[in-house]
C-alpha atoms as a PDB file:
ATOM      1  CA  MET A   1     145.357  68.625  56.653  1.00  0.00           C
ATOM      2  CA  PRO A   2     143.709  66.395  54.036  1.00  0.00           C
ATOM      3  CA  VAL A   3     145.027  62.880  53.493  1.00  0.00           C
ATOM      4  CA  THR A   4     146.578  62.216  50.083  1.00  0.00           C
ATOM      5  CA  LEU A   5     145.900  59.060  48.113  1.00  0.00           C
ATOM      6  CA  GLY A   6     149.383  57.757  48.854  1.00  0.00           C
ATOM      7  CA  GLU A   7     148.866  58.338  52.577  1.00  0.00           C
ATOM      8  CA  LEU A   8     145.445  56.664  52.479  1.00  0.00           C
ATOM      9  CA  ILE A   9     146.816  53.613  50.693  1.00  0.00           C
ATOM     10  CA  THR A  10     149.799  53.366  53.022  1.00  0.00           C
ATOM     11  CA  SER A  11     147.728  53.724  56.180  1.00  0.00           C
ATOM     12  CA  CYS A  12     144.991  51.282  55.125  1.00  0.00           C
ATOM     13  CA  LYS A  13     147.187  48.735  53.342  1.00  0.00           C
ATOM     14  CA  GLY A  14     148.512  47.335  56.581  1.00  0.00           C
ATOM     15  CA  ARG A  15     150.890  44.439  56.122  1.00  0.00           C
ATOM     16  CA  ARG A  16     149.369  43.372  52.807  1.00  0.00           C
ATOM     17  CA  THR A  17     151.501  43.331  49.697  1.00  0.00           C
ATOM     18  CA  TYR A  18     150.325  45.230  46.635  1.00  0.00           C
ATOM     19  CA  ASP A  19     149.346  41.838  45.136  1.00  0.00           C
ATOM     20  CA  GLN A  20     147.207  41.010  48.161  1.00  0.00           C
ATOM     21  CA  LEU A  21     145.667  44.476  48.194  1.00  0.00           C
ATOM     22  CA  SER A  22     144.847  44.219  44.498  1.00  0.00           C
ATOM     23  CA  ARG A  23     143.065  40.905  45.128  1.00  0.00           C
ATOM     24  CA  ASP A  24     141.097  42.582  47.944  1.00  0.00           C
ATOM     25  CA  CYS A  25     140.197  45.337  45.458  1.00  0.00           C
ATOM     26  CA  GLY A  26     138.742  42.727  43.099  1.00  0.00           C
ATOM     27  CA  GLY A  27     141.690  42.935  40.709  1.00  0.00           C
ATOM     28  CA  VAL A  28     141.211  46.606  39.840  1.00  0.00           C
ATOM     29  CA  PRO A  29     143.539  48.356  40.201  1.00  0.00           C
ATOM     30  CA  THR A  30     146.439  46.038  39.470  1.00  0.00           C
ATOM     31  CA  PRO A  31     149.298  45.693  41.967  1.00  0.00           C
ATOM     32  CA  GLY A  32     151.532  47.893  39.808  1.00  0.00           C
ATOM     33  CA  ARG A  33     148.878  50.584  39.546  1.00  0.00           C
ATOM     34  CA  ILE A  34     148.318  50.565  43.317  1.00  0.00           C
ATOM     35  CA  GLN A  35     152.055  50.967  43.886  1.00  0.00           C
ATOM     36  CA  GLN A  36     152.102  53.842  41.396  1.00  0.00           C
ATOM     37  CA  LEU A  37     149.156  55.541  43.108  1.00  0.00           C
ATOM     38  CA  ALA A  38     150.794  55.075  46.501  1.00  0.00           C
ATOM     39  CA  THR A  39     154.273  56.303  45.599  1.00  0.00           C
ATOM     40  CA  LYS A  40     154.140  58.627  42.583  1.00  0.00           C
ATOM     41  CA  ASP A  41     152.776  62.142  42.124  1.00  0.00           C
ATOM     42  CA  GLN A  42     149.382  62.108  40.437  1.00  0.00           C
ATOM     43  CA  ASN A  43     148.220  64.527  37.744  1.00  0.00           C
ATOM     44  CA  ARG A  44     144.617  63.351  37.294  1.00  0.00           C
ATOM     45  CA  PHE A  45     141.833  61.497  39.038  1.00  0.00           C
ATOM     46  CA  PRO A  46     141.804  57.706  38.677  1.00  0.00           C
ATOM     47  CA  ASP A  47     138.920  56.199  36.726  1.00  0.00           C
ATOM     48  CA  PRO A  48     135.724  55.220  38.598  1.00  0.00           C
ATOM     49  CA  ASP A  49     136.567  51.483  38.603  1.00  0.00           C
ATOM     50  CA  THR A  50     139.911  52.227  40.280  1.00  0.00           C
ATOM     51  CA  ILE A  51     138.239  54.425  42.893  1.00  0.00           C
ATOM     52  CA  THR A  52     135.603  51.768  43.606  1.00  0.00           C
ATOM     53  CA  GLY A  53     138.198  48.991  43.762  1.00  0.00           C
ATOM     54  CA  LEU A  54     140.439  50.964  46.101  1.00  0.00           C
ATOM     55  CA  ALA A  55     137.519  51.698  48.407  1.00  0.00           C
ATOM     56  CA  ARG A  56     136.697  47.990  48.549  1.00  0.00           C
ATOM     57  CA  GLY A  57     140.293  46.891  49.089  1.00  0.00           C
ATOM     58  CA  LEU A  58     141.169  49.623  51.577  1.00  0.00           C
ATOM     59  CA  ARG A  59     137.856  49.048  53.373  1.00  0.00           C
ATOM     60  CA  VAL A  60     136.825  52.703  53.295  1.00  0.00           C
ATOM     61  CA  ASN A  61     133.984  54.616  51.693  1.00  0.00           C
ATOM     62  CA  ALA A  62     134.500  55.708  48.094  1.00  0.00           C
ATOM     63  CA  SER A  63     134.212  59.322  49.254  1.00  0.00           C
ATOM     64  CA  ALA A  64     137.420  58.863  51.290  1.00  0.00           C
ATOM     65  CA  VAL A  65     139.236  57.762  48.127  1.00  0.00           C
ATOM     66  CA  VAL A  66     137.802  60.666  46.111  1.00  0.00           C
ATOM     67  CA  ASP A  67     138.812  63.152  48.826  1.00  0.00           C
ATOM     68  CA  ALA A  68     142.326  61.653  48.936  1.00  0.00           C
ATOM     69  CA  CYS A  69     142.602  61.867  45.139  1.00  0.00           C
ATOM     70  CA  ALA A  70     141.574  65.530  45.281  1.00  0.00           C
ATOM     71  CA  ALA A  71     144.121  66.241  48.020  1.00  0.00           C
ATOM     72  CA  SER A  72     146.837  64.577  45.924  1.00  0.00           C
ATOM     73  CA  LEU A  73     146.017  66.969  43.098  1.00  0.00           C
ATOM     74  CA  GLY A  74     146.011  70.004  45.378  1.00  0.00           C
ATOM     75  CA  ILE A  75     142.244  70.370  45.274  1.00  0.00           C
ATOM     76  CA  VAL A  76     141.102  71.166  48.784  1.00  0.00           C
ATOM     77  CA  SER A  77     137.431  71.610  49.593  1.00  0.00           C
ATOM     78  CA  GLU A  78     136.081  73.940  52.254  1.00  0.00           C
ATOM     79  CA  ASP A  79     135.603  70.913  54.475  1.00  0.00           C
ATOM     80  CA  ALA A  80     139.045  69.398  53.925  1.00  0.00           C
ATOM     81  CA  SER A  81     139.500  67.848  57.343  1.00  0.00           C
ATOM     82  CA  PRO A  82     139.321  64.052  57.210  1.00  0.00           C
ATOM     83  CA  LYS A  83     136.036  62.786  58.557  1.00  0.00           C
ATOM     84  CA  LEU A  84     136.309  59.669  60.649  1.00  0.00           C
ATOM     85  CA  THR A  85     133.045  58.409  59.225  1.00  0.00           C
ATOM     86  CA  ARG A  86     134.460  58.586  55.696  1.00  0.00           C
ATOM     87  CA  LEU A  87     137.440  56.472  56.716  1.00  0.00           C
ATOM     88  CA  MET A  88     135.262  53.810  58.303  1.00  0.00           C
ATOM     89  CA  PRO A  89     134.443  50.654  56.330  1.00  0.00           C
ATOM     90  CA  ALA A  90     131.429  51.032  54.089  1.00  0.00           C
ATOM     91  CA  ASP A  91     129.412  48.444  56.032  1.00  0.00           C
ATOM     92  CA  THR A  92     129.585  50.306  59.360  1.00  0.00           C
ATOM     93  CA  ALA A  93     125.999  51.454  58.848  1.00  0.00           C
ATOM     94  CA  ALA A  94     124.988  47.869  59.644  1.00  0.00           C
ATOM     95  CA  LEU A  95     126.521  47.967  63.140  1.00  0.00           C
ATOM     96  CA  THR A  96     124.170  47.678  66.096  1.00  0.00           C
ATOM     97  CA  ASP A  97     123.869  50.519  68.603  1.00  0.00           C
ATOM     98  CA  GLY A  98     125.906  48.462  71.065  1.00  0.00           C
ATOM     99  CA  GLN A  99     128.684  47.933  68.524  1.00  0.00           C
ATOM    100  CA  VAL A 100     128.738  51.646  67.676  1.00  0.00           C
ATOM    101  CA  SER A 101     128.974  52.479  71.380  1.00  0.00           C
ATOM    102  CA  ALA A 102     131.900  50.075  71.785  1.00  0.00           C
ATOM    103  CA  VAL A 103     133.775  51.612  68.843  1.00  0.00           C
ATOM    104  CA  LEU A 104     133.135  55.118  70.152  1.00  0.00           C
ATOM    105  CA  ALA A 105     134.415  54.101  73.597  1.00  0.00           C
ATOM    106  CA  VAL A 106     137.667  52.833  72.069  1.00  0.00           C
ATOM    107  CA  ILE A 107     138.098  56.038  70.060  1.00  0.00           C
ATOM    108  CA  GLN A 108     137.384  58.156  73.132  1.00  0.00           C
ATOM    109  CA  THR A 109     140.054  56.226  75.052  1.00  0.00           C
ATOM    110  CA  PHE A 110     142.609  57.064  72.358  1.00  0.00           C
ATOM    111  CA  VAL A 111     141.557  60.719  72.299  1.00  0.00           C
ATOM    112  CA  ASP A 112     141.750  60.936  76.088  1.00  0.00           C
ATOM    113  CA  SER A 113     145.196  59.311  76.165  1.00  0.00           C
ATOM    114  CA  ASN A 114     146.494  61.752  73.537  1.00  0.00           C
ATOM    115  CA  ASN A 115     145.270  64.711  75.583  1.00  0.00           C
ATOM    116  CA  ARG A 116     147.088  63.690  78.766  1.00  0.00           C
ATOM    117  CA  PRO A 117     150.367  65.414  79.601  1.00  0.00           C
ATOM    118  CA  GLU A 118     153.410  63.282  78.882  1.00  0.00           C
ATOM    119  CA  ASP A 119     155.044  61.612  81.861  1.00  0.00           C
ATOM    120  CA  SER A 120     158.317  63.296  82.669  1.00  0.00           C
END
């Protein structure tokens, strides 16, 4: 199931307030606009500056924001499943091979723990 813009904002916002998130976005979008995008139904795509700012502030690739905007509008592509690489911070391409291996090991640990039968 694709992630909506509200879900993306909520999951990546962490403990930051909308004011703090807006500062991390570079001031665009404003705190009020972020809250609106996170909590209200959307009827159109945000402008490019808003998409770029959200990507910066949420620390994800712009394509993750675009995909979430599309999902919020009911536009689902053939490849609608969220891609982990799209949700990763934009600078992950600069990670060393050792750093990538460490991240993958952590992810694999989570996947393995989710596939174990529950203790009764």
